[in-house]
Amino acid sequence: MKPILILLLLLAFGMKSSAQILNIDKNAVGEKDKTWLVNSNLTLASDQQKYNVLDILFTGDVSYKHNKRRYVFYSKIDRITDGKEQIQDAGCLQLRDRIGIKKKFSMDYFVQYQWNGEWGMLNRSLAGANFIQQWVNNDSVDFFTGIGVFYEHELWNYSAVPAEQVPLNAPNVDVERPRLNITAKYARTFQKKFDFVARFFNQSSIQNNIVISRTSIAFQLNLPLSKKLALVSNAEGLYDTRPVVPVRNFFYSFSQSIALAL
């Protein structure tokens, strides 16, 4: 099967989460038997106001299967500009090595780099491993769970913090810590007509004898309109019990797009 390029032509409605922390156990391409898999999504939106507002959202992954291993590279870039001003700049780069992908139990090693200027996350680097259990994996249902650990380094500033909460001469905040990672993914195809995907993760650690965590749940619905067109709906929420800097604890996003498969 040739790689599929999906171009998101129309963003019908969207509220973007500036706090999105990507699931390090991303299984979007990991369960297939094809040697090469390529998936990409691109949204371009332009609006003439006082300045030209340009919104670019790109997500894509490339994976290669060799024996019982699959190597996956994932990237996401989300940028909004208004003239010369950068309104939003967020992204993620991730490399994974999945071992034993056709077995009930497998290992997943990864490194990741990400940033989110709107939230104040200058950068976040992490590396770790997940132990994955496959419960169901057939033509209609996929269900995976995972548990693992990773070590992260984060650098934040106060750009997203209300002015009254910013300390004088506020320095950047540098944090390093290990985290426990719990993940789950459920996907189902209904009557070969539409697909539903749900993903969950919880990343927790202990800080000053207090358990802190980031928890996210996301849903995706793919509804074919024809052989080439599909309606794609996404919803995601993220809750951080103790942000590194005093920003909001809860963020969410919702989007609908028309996808063209070439």
C-alpha atoms as a PDB file:
ATOM      1  CA  MET A   1       0.000   0.000   0.000  1.00  0.00           C
ATOM      2  CA  LYS A   2       1.395   3.397  -0.960  1.00  0.00           C
ATOM      3  CA  PRO A   3       1.848   6.035   1.725  1.00  0.00           C
ATOM      4  CA  ILE A   4      -1.230   8.209   2.215  1.00  0.00           C
ATOM      5  CA  LEU A   5      -0.938  11.984   2.266  1.00  0.00           C
ATOM      6  CA  ILE A   6      -3.857  13.660   3.988  1.00  0.00           C
ATOM      7  CA  LEU A   7      -4.283  17.377   3.337  1.00  0.00           C
ATOM      8  CA  LEU A   8      -6.679  19.168   5.668  1.00  0.00           C
ATOM      9  CA  LEU A   9      -8.233  21.638   3.275  1.00  0.00           C
ATOM     10  CA  LEU A  10     -10.766  23.333   5.509  1.00  0.00           C
ATOM     11  CA  LEU A  11     -10.707  24.038   9.214  1.00  0.00           C
ATOM     12  CA  ALA A  12     -14.395  24.420   9.930  1.00  0.00           C
ATOM     13  CA  PHE A  13     -14.162  25.193  13.634  1.00  0.00           C
ATOM     14  CA  GLY A  14     -11.358  25.144  16.158  1.00  0.00           C
ATOM     15  CA  MET A  15     -10.346  26.173  19.654  1.00  0.00           C
ATOM     16  CA  LYS A  16      -6.681  25.292  20.138  1.00  0.00           C
ATOM     17  CA  SER A  17      -5.177  24.196  23.409  1.00  0.00           C
ATOM     18  CA  SER A  18      -2.097  26.248  24.176  1.00  0.00           C
ATOM     19  CA  ALA A  19      -1.192  23.768  26.903  1.00  0.00           C
ATOM     20  CA  GLN A  20      -1.084  20.620  24.849  1.00  0.00           C
ATOM     21  CA  ILE A  21       1.428  18.064  26.075  1.00  0.00           C
ATOM     22  CA  LEU A  22       1.662  15.274  23.538  1.00  0.00           C
ATOM     23  CA  ASN A  23       1.207  11.670  24.548  1.00  0.00           C
ATOM     24  CA  ILE A  24       4.647  10.084  24.468  1.00  0.00           C
ATOM     25  CA  ASP A  25       3.012   6.720  23.735  1.00  0.00           C
ATOM     26  CA  LYS A  26       1.613   7.692  20.364  1.00  0.00           C
ATOM     27  CA  ASN A  27       0.215   4.552  18.658  1.00  0.00           C
ATOM     28  CA  ALA A  28      -1.235   6.094  15.510  1.00  0.00           C
ATOM     29  CA  VAL A  29       1.011   4.115  13.168  1.00  0.00           C
ATOM     30  CA  GLY A  30       2.410   1.412  15.418  1.00  0.00           C
ATOM     31  CA  GLU A  31       0.025  -1.501  14.882  1.00  0.00           C
ATOM     32  CA  LYS A  32       0.198  -1.947  11.098  1.00  0.00           C
ATOM     33  CA  ASP A  33       2.187  -4.591   9.205  1.00  0.00           C
ATOM     34  CA  LYS A  34       3.375  -2.365   6.341  1.00  0.00           C
ATOM     35  CA  THR A  35       7.116  -1.740   6.028  1.00  0.00           C
ATOM     36  CA  TRP A  36       6.730   2.011   5.496  1.00  0.00           C
ATOM     37  CA  LEU A  37       3.901   4.200   6.729  1.00  0.00           C
ATOM     38  CA  VAL A  38       3.594   7.940   6.113  1.00  0.00           C
ATOM     39  CA  ASN A  39       0.790  10.120   7.450  1.00  0.00           C
ATOM     40  CA  SER A  40       0.658  13.901   7.387  1.00  0.00           C
ATOM     41  CA  ASN A  41      -1.917  16.603   8.041  1.00  0.00           C
ATOM     42  CA  LEU A  42      -1.629  20.235   7.023  1.00  0.00           C
ATOM     43  CA  THR A  43      -4.019  23.082   7.813  1.00  0.00           C
ATOM     44  CA  LEU A  44      -3.493  26.522   6.279  1.00  0.00           C
ATOM     45  CA  ALA A  45      -5.744  29.445   7.175  1.00  0.00           C
ATOM     46  CA  SER A  46      -5.320  33.119   6.274  1.00  0.00           C
ATOM     47  CA  ASP A  47      -7.423  36.064   7.419  1.00  0.00           C
ATOM     48  CA  GLN A  48      -7.080  39.697   6.303  1.00  0.00           C
ATOM     49  CA  GLN A  49      -7.433  42.001   9.305  1.00  0.00           C
ATOM     50  CA  LYS A  50      -5.166  44.930  10.180  1.00  0.00           C
ATOM     51  CA  TYR A  51      -2.381  42.560   9.185  1.00  0.00           C
ATOM     52  CA  ASN A  52      -2.485  39.223   7.433  1.00  0.00           C
ATOM     53  CA  VAL A  53      -3.176  36.511  10.014  1.00  0.00           C
ATOM     54  CA  LEU A  54      -1.589  33.222   8.957  1.00  0.00           C
ATOM     55  CA  ASP A  55      -2.334  29.966  10.792  1.00  0.00           C
ATOM     56  CA  ILE A  56      -0.229  26.894   9.993  1.00  0.00           C
ATOM     57  CA  LEU A  57      -0.806  23.522  11.659  1.00  0.00           C
ATOM     58  CA  PHE A  58       1.198  20.484  10.531  1.00  0.00           C
ATOM     59  CA  THR A  59       1.293  16.990  12.020  1.00  0.00           C
ATOM     60  CA  GLY A  60       3.006  14.016  10.493  1.00  0.00           C
ATOM     61  CA  ASP A  61       4.657  10.700  11.224  1.00  0.00           C
ATOM     62  CA  VAL A  62       6.924   8.366   9.307  1.00  0.00           C
ATOM     63  CA  SER A  63       7.587   4.811  10.452  1.00  0.00           C
ATOM     64  CA  TYR A  64       9.735   1.948   9.259  1.00  0.00           C
ATOM     65  CA  LYS A  65       9.225  -1.698  10.260  1.00  0.00           C
ATOM     66  CA  HIS A  66      12.241  -4.031  10.434  1.00  0.00           C
ATOM     67  CA  ASN A  67      11.812  -7.568  11.771  1.00  0.00           C
ATOM     68  CA  LYS A  68       9.914  -7.176  15.060  1.00  0.00           C
ATOM     69  CA  ARG A  69      10.774  -3.487  15.545  1.00  0.00           C
ATOM     70  CA  ARG A  70       9.177  -0.324  14.279  1.00  0.00           C
ATOM     71  CA  TYR A  71      10.941   3.030  14.241  1.00  0.00           C
ATOM     72  CA  VAL A  72       8.628   6.053  14.335  1.00  0.00           C
ATOM     73  CA  PHE A  73       9.373   9.749  13.849  1.00  0.00           C
ATOM     74  CA  TYR A  74       6.544  12.137  14.760  1.00  0.00           C
ATOM     75  CA  SER A  75       6.389  15.918  14.379  1.00  0.00           C
ATOM     76  CA  LYS A  76       3.889  18.686  15.033  1.00  0.00           C
ATOM     77  CA  ILE A  77       4.208  22.396  14.216  1.00  0.00           C
ATOM     78  CA  ASP A  78       1.520  24.940  15.177  1.00  0.00           C
ATOM     79  CA  ARG A  79       2.181  28.612  14.335  1.00  0.00           C
ATOM     80  CA  ILE A  80      -0.011  31.706  14.113  1.00  0.00           C
ATOM     81  CA  THR A  81       1.404  35.049  12.974  1.00  0.00           C
ATOM     82  CA  ASP A  82      -0.164  38.511  12.703  1.00  0.00           C
ATOM     83  CA  GLY A  83       2.054  40.654  10.556  1.00  0.00           C
ATOM     84  CA  LYS A  84       5.430  40.562  12.303  1.00  0.00           C
ATOM     85  CA  GLU A  85       4.047  39.342  15.638  1.00  0.00           C
ATOM     86  CA  GLN A  86       4.164  35.669  16.642  1.00  0.00           C
ATOM     87  CA  ILE A  87       0.815  34.849  18.290  1.00  0.00           C
ATOM     88  CA  GLN A  88       1.390  31.143  18.790  1.00  0.00           C
ATOM     89  CA  ASP A  89       4.423  28.935  18.364  1.00  0.00           C
ATOM     90  CA  ALA A  90       4.165  25.331  19.531  1.00  0.00           C
ATOM     91  CA  GLY A  91       5.581  22.069  18.327  1.00  0.00           C
ATOM     92  CA  CYS A  92       6.950  18.633  19.070  1.00  0.00           C
ATOM     93  CA  LEU A  93       9.559  16.241  17.644  1.00  0.00           C
ATOM     94  CA  GLN A  94       9.530  12.620  18.772  1.00  0.00           C
ATOM     95  CA  LEU A  95      11.527   9.492  17.907  1.00  0.00           C
ATOM     96  CA  ARG A  96      10.421   6.032  19.073  1.00  0.00           C
ATOM     97  CA  ASP A  97      11.764   2.487  18.892  1.00  0.00           C
ATOM     98  CA  ARG A  98       9.069  -0.147  19.403  1.00  0.00           C
ATOM     99  CA  ILE A  99      10.264  -3.702  20.077  1.00  0.00           C
ATOM    100  CA  GLY A 100       8.048  -6.788  19.747  1.00  0.00           C
ATOM    101  CA  ILE A 101       5.250  -4.902  17.971  1.00  0.00           C
ATOM    102  CA  LYS A 102       3.316  -8.061  16.977  1.00  0.00           C
ATOM    103  CA  LYS A 103       3.407  -9.617  20.438  1.00  0.00           C
ATOM    104  CA  LYS A 104       1.003  -9.247  23.346  1.00  0.00           C
ATOM    105  CA  PHE A 105       3.702  -7.431  25.311  1.00  0.00           C
ATOM    106  CA  SER A 106       6.177  -4.980  23.817  1.00  0.00           C
ATOM    107  CA  MET A 107       8.646  -2.255  24.780  1.00  0.00           C
ATOM    108  CA  ASP A 108       8.646   1.311  23.537  1.00  0.00           C
ATOM    109  CA  TYR A 109      11.762   3.530  23.890  1.00  0.00           C
ATOM    110  CA  PHE A 110      11.530   7.222  23.025  1.00  0.00           C
ATOM    111  CA  VAL A 111      13.080  10.667  23.052  1.00  0.00           C
ATOM    112  CA  GLN A 112      11.054  13.874  22.608  1.00  0.00           C
ATOM    113  CA  TYR A 113      11.593  17.625  22.272  1.00  0.00           C
ATOM    114  CA  GLN A 114       8.762  20.157  22.366  1.00  0.00           C
ATOM    115  CA  TRP A 115       7.963  23.810  22.972  1.00  0.00           C
ATOM    116  CA  ASN A 116       4.927  26.037  23.477  1.00  0.00           C
ATOM    117  CA  GLY A 117       5.590  29.767  23.500  1.00  0.00           C
ATOM    118  CA  GLU A 118       2.003  30.763  24.274  1.00  0.00           C
ATOM    119  CA  TRP A 119       1.996  28.721  27.479  1.00  0.00           C
ATOM    120  CA  GLY A 120       5.498  29.819  28.495  1.00  0.00           C
ATOM    121  CA  MET A 121       7.186  26.462  27.831  1.00  0.00           C
ATOM    122  CA  LEU A 122      10.444  27.455  26.144  1.00  0.00           C
ATOM    123  CA  ASN A 123      11.397  23.803  25.701  1.00  0.00           C
ATOM    124  CA  ARG A 124      10.823  20.342  27.135  1.00  0.00           C
ATOM    125  CA  SER A 125      13.182  17.419  26.561  1.00  0.00           C
ATOM    126  CA  LEU A 126      12.524  13.886  27.757  1.00  0.00           C
ATOM    127  CA  ALA A 127      13.630  10.297  27.293  1.00  0.00           C
ATOM    128  CA  GLY A 128      12.207   7.065  28.644  1.00  0.00           C
ATOM    129  CA  ALA A 129      10.548   3.711  28.048  1.00  0.00           C
ATOM    130  CA  ASN A 130       7.049   2.210  28.164  1.00  0.00           C
ATOM    131  CA  PHE A 131       5.909  -1.375  28.684  1.00  0.00           C
ATOM    132  CA  ILE A 132       2.924  -1.909  26.339  1.00  0.00           C
ATOM    133  CA  GLN A 133       0.220  -4.556  26.655  1.00  0.00           C
ATOM    134  CA  GLN A 134      -1.959  -5.402  23.667  1.00  0.00           C
ATOM    135  CA  TRP A 135      -5.445  -6.471  24.751  1.00  0.00           C
ATOM    136  CA  VAL A 136      -7.231  -6.460  21.384  1.00  0.00           C
ATOM    137  CA  ASN A 137      -5.865  -5.776  17.905  1.00  0.00           C
ATOM    138  CA  ASN A 138      -8.008  -6.769  14.934  1.00  0.00           C
ATOM    139  CA  ASP A 139      -9.688  -5.149  11.924  1.00  0.00           C
ATOM    140  CA  SER A 140     -12.382  -3.458  13.999  1.00  0.00           C
ATOM    141  CA  VAL A 141     -10.987  -2.893  17.518  1.00  0.00           C
ATOM    142  CA  ASP A 142      -7.611  -1.853  18.974  1.00  0.00           C
ATOM    143  CA  PHE A 143      -7.018  -1.566  22.712  1.00  0.00           C
ATOM    144  CA  PHE A 144      -3.587  -0.960  24.232  1.00  0.00           C
ATOM    145  CA  THR A 145      -2.391   0.065  27.688  1.00  0.00           C
ATOM    146  CA  GLY A 146       1.070   1.035  28.841  1.00  0.00           C
ATOM    147  CA  ILE A 147       3.120   1.918  31.892  1.00  0.00           C
ATOM    148  CA  GLY A 148       6.605   3.378  31.929  1.00  0.00           C
ATOM    149  CA  VAL A 149       8.987   6.006  33.226  1.00  0.00           C
ATOM    150  CA  PHE A 150      10.794   8.960  31.676  1.00  0.00           C
ATOM    151  CA  TYR A 151      13.113  11.745  32.754  1.00  0.00           C
ATOM    152  CA  GLU A 152      12.267  15.277  31.660  1.00  0.00           C
ATOM    153  CA  HIS A 153      13.904  18.687  31.597  1.00  0.00           C
ATOM    154  CA  GLU A 154      11.678  21.767  31.216  1.00  0.00           C
ATOM    155  CA  LEU A 155      12.491  25.459  30.819  1.00  0.00           C
ATOM    156  CA  TRP A 156       9.686  27.992  31.376  1.00  0.00           C
ATOM    157  CA  ASN A 157       9.230  31.761  31.448  1.00  0.00           C
ATOM    158  CA  TYR A 158       6.406  33.999  32.744  1.00  0.00           C
ATOM    159  CA  SER A 159       5.074  35.198  29.366  1.00  0.00           C
ATOM    160  CA  ALA A 160       1.670  33.510  29.921  1.00  0.00           C
ATOM    161  CA  VAL A 161       1.319  34.465  33.591  1.00  0.00           C
ATOM    162  CA  PRO A 162      -0.972  37.367  34.628  1.00  0.00           C
ATOM    163  CA  ALA A 163       1.095  40.497  35.301  1.00  0.00           C
ATOM    164  CA  GLU A 164       0.089  40.684  38.976  1.00  0.00           C
ATOM    165  CA  GLN A 165       1.539  37.198  39.585  1.00  0.00           C
ATOM    166  CA  VAL A 166       4.913  37.793  37.922  1.00  0.00           C
ATOM    167  CA  PRO A 167       7.803  38.265  40.390  1.00  0.00           C
ATOM    168  CA  LEU A 168      10.160  41.213  39.987  1.00  0.00           C
ATOM    169  CA  ASN A 169      12.997  40.396  37.598  1.00  0.00           C
ATOM    170  CA  ALA A 170      11.421  36.963  37.145  1.00  0.00           C
ATOM    171  CA  PRO A 171      14.018  34.465  35.915  1.00  0.00           C
ATOM    172  CA  ASN A 172      13.271  31.482  33.732  1.00  0.00           C
ATOM    173  CA  VAL A 173      12.260  28.387  35.693  1.00  0.00           C
ATOM    174  CA  ASP A 174      14.353  25.276  35.123  1.00  0.00           C
ATOM    175  CA  VAL A 175      12.913  21.901  36.246  1.00  0.00           C
ATOM    176  CA  GLU A 176      14.299  18.352  36.026  1.00  0.00           C
ATOM    177  CA  ARG A 177      12.470  15.292  37.336  1.00  0.00           C
ATOM    178  CA  PRO A 178      11.484  11.675  36.632  1.00  0.00           C
ATOM    179  CA  ARG A 179       7.840  10.842  35.919  1.00  0.00           C
ATOM    180  CA  LEU A 180       5.668   7.751  35.915  1.00  0.00           C
ATOM    181  CA  ASN A 181       3.728   7.441  32.654  1.00  0.00           C
ATOM    182  CA  ILE A 182       0.394   5.587  32.289  1.00  0.00           C
ATOM    183  CA  THR A 183      -1.232   5.430  28.853  1.00  0.00           C
ATOM    184  CA  ALA A 184      -4.172   3.824  27.067  1.00  0.00           C
ATOM    185  CA  LYS A 185      -5.571   3.856  23.543  1.00  0.00           C
ATOM    186  CA  TYR A 186      -8.889   2.497  22.255  1.00  0.00           C
ATOM    187  CA  ALA A 187      -9.910   2.556  18.587  1.00  0.00           C
ATOM    188  CA  ARG A 188     -12.930   1.055  16.871  1.00  0.00           C
ATOM    189  CA  THR A 189     -14.274   0.922  13.351  1.00  0.00           C
ATOM    190  CA  PHE A 190     -18.066   0.829  13.187  1.00  0.00           C
ATOM    191  CA  GLN A 191     -19.543  -1.153  10.286  1.00  0.00           C
ATOM    192  CA  LYS A 192     -16.509  -0.161   8.178  1.00  0.00           C
ATOM    193  CA  LYS A 193     -18.039   3.316   7.898  1.00  0.00           C
ATOM    194  CA  PHE A 194     -16.407   5.493  10.543  1.00  0.00           C
ATOM    195  CA  ASP A 195     -13.611   5.312  13.091  1.00  0.00           C
ATOM    196  CA  PHE A 196     -13.555   6.359  16.746  1.00  0.00           C
ATOM    197  CA  VAL A 197     -10.318   6.775  18.710  1.00  0.00           C
ATOM    198  CA  ALA A 198      -9.845   7.603  22.405  1.00  0.00           C
ATOM    199  CA  ARG A 199      -6.462   8.235  24.032  1.00  0.00           C
ATOM    200  CA  PHE A 200      -5.535   8.774  27.683  1.00  0.00           C
ATOM    201  CA  PHE A 201      -2.334   9.517  29.562  1.00  0.00           C
ATOM    202  CA  ASN A 202      -1.275  10.431  33.075  1.00  0.00           C
ATOM    203  CA  GLN A 203       2.256  11.666  33.811  1.00  0.00           C
ATOM    204  CA  SER A 204       2.983  11.930  37.541  1.00  0.00           C
ATOM    205  CA  SER A 205       5.880  12.560  39.899  1.00  0.00           C
ATOM    206  CA  ILE A 206       6.546  13.481  43.527  1.00  0.00           C
ATOM    207  CA  GLN A 207       7.612  17.039  44.341  1.00  0.00           C
ATOM    208  CA  ASN A 208       8.159  18.219  47.929  1.00  0.00           C
ATOM    209  CA  ASN A 209       6.329  15.083  49.154  1.00  0.00           C
ATOM    210  CA  ILE A 210       3.295  15.960  46.995  1.00  0.00           C
ATOM    211  CA  VAL A 211       2.139  13.948  43.966  1.00  0.00           C
ATOM    212  CA  ILE A 212       1.804  16.186  40.904  1.00  0.00           C
ATOM    213  CA  SER A 213       0.439  15.051  37.554  1.00  0.00           C
ATOM    214  CA  ARG A 214      -0.612  15.974  34.040  1.00  0.00           C
ATOM    215  CA  THR A 215      -3.644  14.084  32.765  1.00  0.00           C
ATOM    216  CA  SER A 216      -5.099  14.209  29.265  1.00  0.00           C
ATOM    217  CA  ILE A 217      -7.938  12.525  27.423  1.00  0.00           C
ATOM    218  CA  ALA A 218      -8.532  12.958  23.695  1.00  0.00           C
ATOM    219  CA  PHE A 219     -11.139  11.775  21.204  1.00  0.00           C
ATOM    220  CA  GLN A 220     -11.148  11.600  17.408  1.00  0.00           C
ATOM    221  CA  LEU A 221     -13.982  10.739  15.016  1.00  0.00           C
ATOM    222  CA  ASN A 222     -13.333  10.055  11.314  1.00  0.00           C
ATOM    223  CA  LEU A 223     -16.505  10.050   9.201  1.00  0.00           C
ATOM    224  CA  PRO A 224     -16.041   9.271   5.466  1.00  0.00           C
ATOM    225  CA  LEU A 225     -18.030  11.507   3.127  1.00  0.00           C
ATOM    226  CA  SER A 226     -16.802   9.754  -0.033  1.00  0.00           C
ATOM    227  CA  LYS A 227     -13.826   7.675  -1.167  1.00  0.00           C
ATOM    228  CA  LYS A 228     -11.621  10.769  -1.076  1.00  0.00           C
ATOM    229  CA  LEU A 229     -13.221  13.027   1.544  1.00  0.00           C
ATOM    230  CA  ALA A 230     -13.739  12.600   5.279  1.00  0.00           C
ATOM    231  CA  LEU A 231     -14.946  14.711   8.173  1.00  0.00           C
ATOM    232  CA  VAL A 232     -12.461  14.648  11.062  1.00  0.00           C
ATOM    233  CA  SER A 233     -13.454  15.826  14.553  1.00  0.00           C
ATOM    234  CA  ASN A 234     -11.005  16.141  17.456  1.00  0.00           C
ATOM    235  CA  ALA A 235     -11.529  17.005  21.126  1.00  0.00           C
ATOM    236  CA  GLU A 236      -8.860  17.068  23.830  1.00  0.00           C
ATOM    237  CA  GLY A 237      -8.521  18.216  27.423  1.00  0.00           C
ATOM    238  CA  LEU A 238      -5.488  18.464  29.703  1.00  0.00           C
ATOM    239  CA  TYR A 239      -5.319  19.053  33.469  1.00  0.00           C
ATOM    240  CA  ASP A 240      -2.070  19.911  35.265  1.00  0.00           C
ATOM    241  CA  THR A 241      -2.327  19.779  39.065  1.00  0.00           C
ATOM    242  CA  ARG A 242       0.718  22.011  39.597  1.00  0.00           C
ATOM    243  CA  PRO A 243       2.049  23.949  36.577  1.00  0.00           C
ATOM    244  CA  VAL A 244       5.711  24.968  36.670  1.00  0.00           C
ATOM    245  CA  VAL A 245       4.615  28.634  36.521  1.00  0.00           C
ATOM    246  CA  PRO A 246       1.162  29.911  37.635  1.00  0.00           C
ATOM    247  CA  VAL A 247      -0.819  29.451  34.429  1.00  0.00           C
ATOM    248  CA  ARG A 248      -4.237  27.819  34.152  1.00  0.00           C
ATOM    249  CA  ASN A 249      -4.588  24.210  35.325  1.00  0.00           C
ATOM    250  CA  PHE A 250      -7.046  23.105  32.613  1.00  0.00           C
ATOM    251  CA  PHE A 251      -6.886  23.543  28.852  1.00  0.00           C
ATOM    252  CA  TYR A 252      -8.984  22.061  26.062  1.00  0.00           C
ATOM    253  CA  SER A 253      -9.216  22.068  22.283  1.00  0.00           C
ATOM    254  CA  PHE A 254     -11.851  21.182  19.710  1.00  0.00           C
ATOM    255  CA  SER A 255     -11.574  21.108  15.916  1.00  0.00           C
ATOM    256  CA  GLN A 256     -13.402  19.892  12.836  1.00  0.00           C
ATOM    257  CA  SER A 257     -11.777  19.503   9.437  1.00  0.00           C
ATOM    258  CA  ILE A 258     -12.454  18.236   5.933  1.00  0.00           C
ATOM    259  CA  ALA A 259      -9.736  15.744   4.909  1.00  0.00           C
ATOM    260  CA  LEU A 260      -8.792  14.820   1.352  1.00  0.00           C
ATOM    261  CA  ALA A 261      -6.967  11.494   0.851  1.00  0.00           C
ATOM    262  CA  LEU A 262      -4.653  11.406  -2.174  1.00  0.00           C
END
